[in-house]
């Protein structure tokens, strides 16, 4: 860490120095933890756009360069050379596993894939037409009522048990939510399959016949999991950390993260993108909608383009575009209406001066919705898939926070703009 100082000068008071912390990558941070005590002032930063809430070694994003690193490894290399459970091991432990560690970790995860039979009955309390994310919030939160013996979160072994359980059980829970909504028989895990193939057989298999995974489609979904495993201090991750800062059970923290992810401004972008494509309907109408997207007076927004963090191309989008091509080719859907429409939109966005100037490049959501639809996943399940993958990152972030000697319960300050202090007028005197 740097020994440089930042000096704050407030009119009428002596200047005050604060340390400047230098990260491995990214912007320097002014350490203002003593600001209130030294000056009697707080900072105001709505949306925390200029505030680092924690120190983390897990994920780094460079929005200007279009770069995403998990534990220092570029996302492109991880997606091409590692499977999702290797990435999960990396996010949790800080290093990629060797051959023995990979085998042991996969075996451990497989040993936790089943859920308590009483938890299966929990699903029956929901309406069949309930949104799967609503079911996920309830069921994941309820895990703490079934698996509560490893509750000493100061113990690394207890934290690992919690990590392994939730990562193993999330595919089962997501698949159960899907099957329940369709009124189909629930499929139990098959531990002869790998993590992603097992999830697909629980989603799409039936007791009538043996499910045989398609390796191209399994790989595609595994890449989707990897690309969504973590994304620095986004809203849902910050929610998990804030909930966890109170010492809350990790299952409750993940449930809170799922609730946050469900918000349309966060995890629902790929669903919104697919709905937009359906609204446009045909390649012949692309020009009309591009014009509307440029019109500030028109409420229409072109979904799946641009990103709040990435000011350049979303690195995950390049990978997802290849996956999209592979899946549609495998399924014979490369000439499908939606794919042709998506490619027409992409071409314009990459060539039109308006989109180039504003750097509105296609993001990961633009392609992932098309891929999931091709895989047979309904739009209501898209955010559940997102939550399944992001659970790995959430748990890694939770464990990092819990084991950080500097961690404290989260307590943001506020800029109060309500009524000044006043006295209650007796009822008889009120007008």
Foldseek 3Di string as FASTA:
>chain_A
DDQDWDWDDDPPDDIDIFGWADDPDDDIDTDCPCVCVVPVDDDDDVVCPPPDPDDDQAWDAQQAVLFIDGLRHTLVCCLVPHFLQQSLCCRQPSDGDDPVVSVVLQVLLLVQQDDPPVLLVVLVVDDLQDQLLVVLLVSLLCVCVVDPPLQPLLDPVSLVVVLSNLLNHLLLSLLSSQCSSVVADADGFDSVDGRQQRSLCRNPNHPPDDDDDDVLLSSLLRSVLSVLQDDPDDDLLVQLQLVCQVVDDSSNSLSSSSVRCPDCVHPQLLLVQVVVLVVCPALVSLVVLVVLCVDPVHPDHNGQWDDPRRQAANPSQVVLVVSLVSLCVVVVNCVPGSNVNLVSNQVCLVPPPVNVVSNGHGYNSNRVSSSCVSSVHDSSSRSSSSSSSHSSVSSSSSSVLSNDPPRHNDDDDDDDDDDDDDDDDPPVPDD
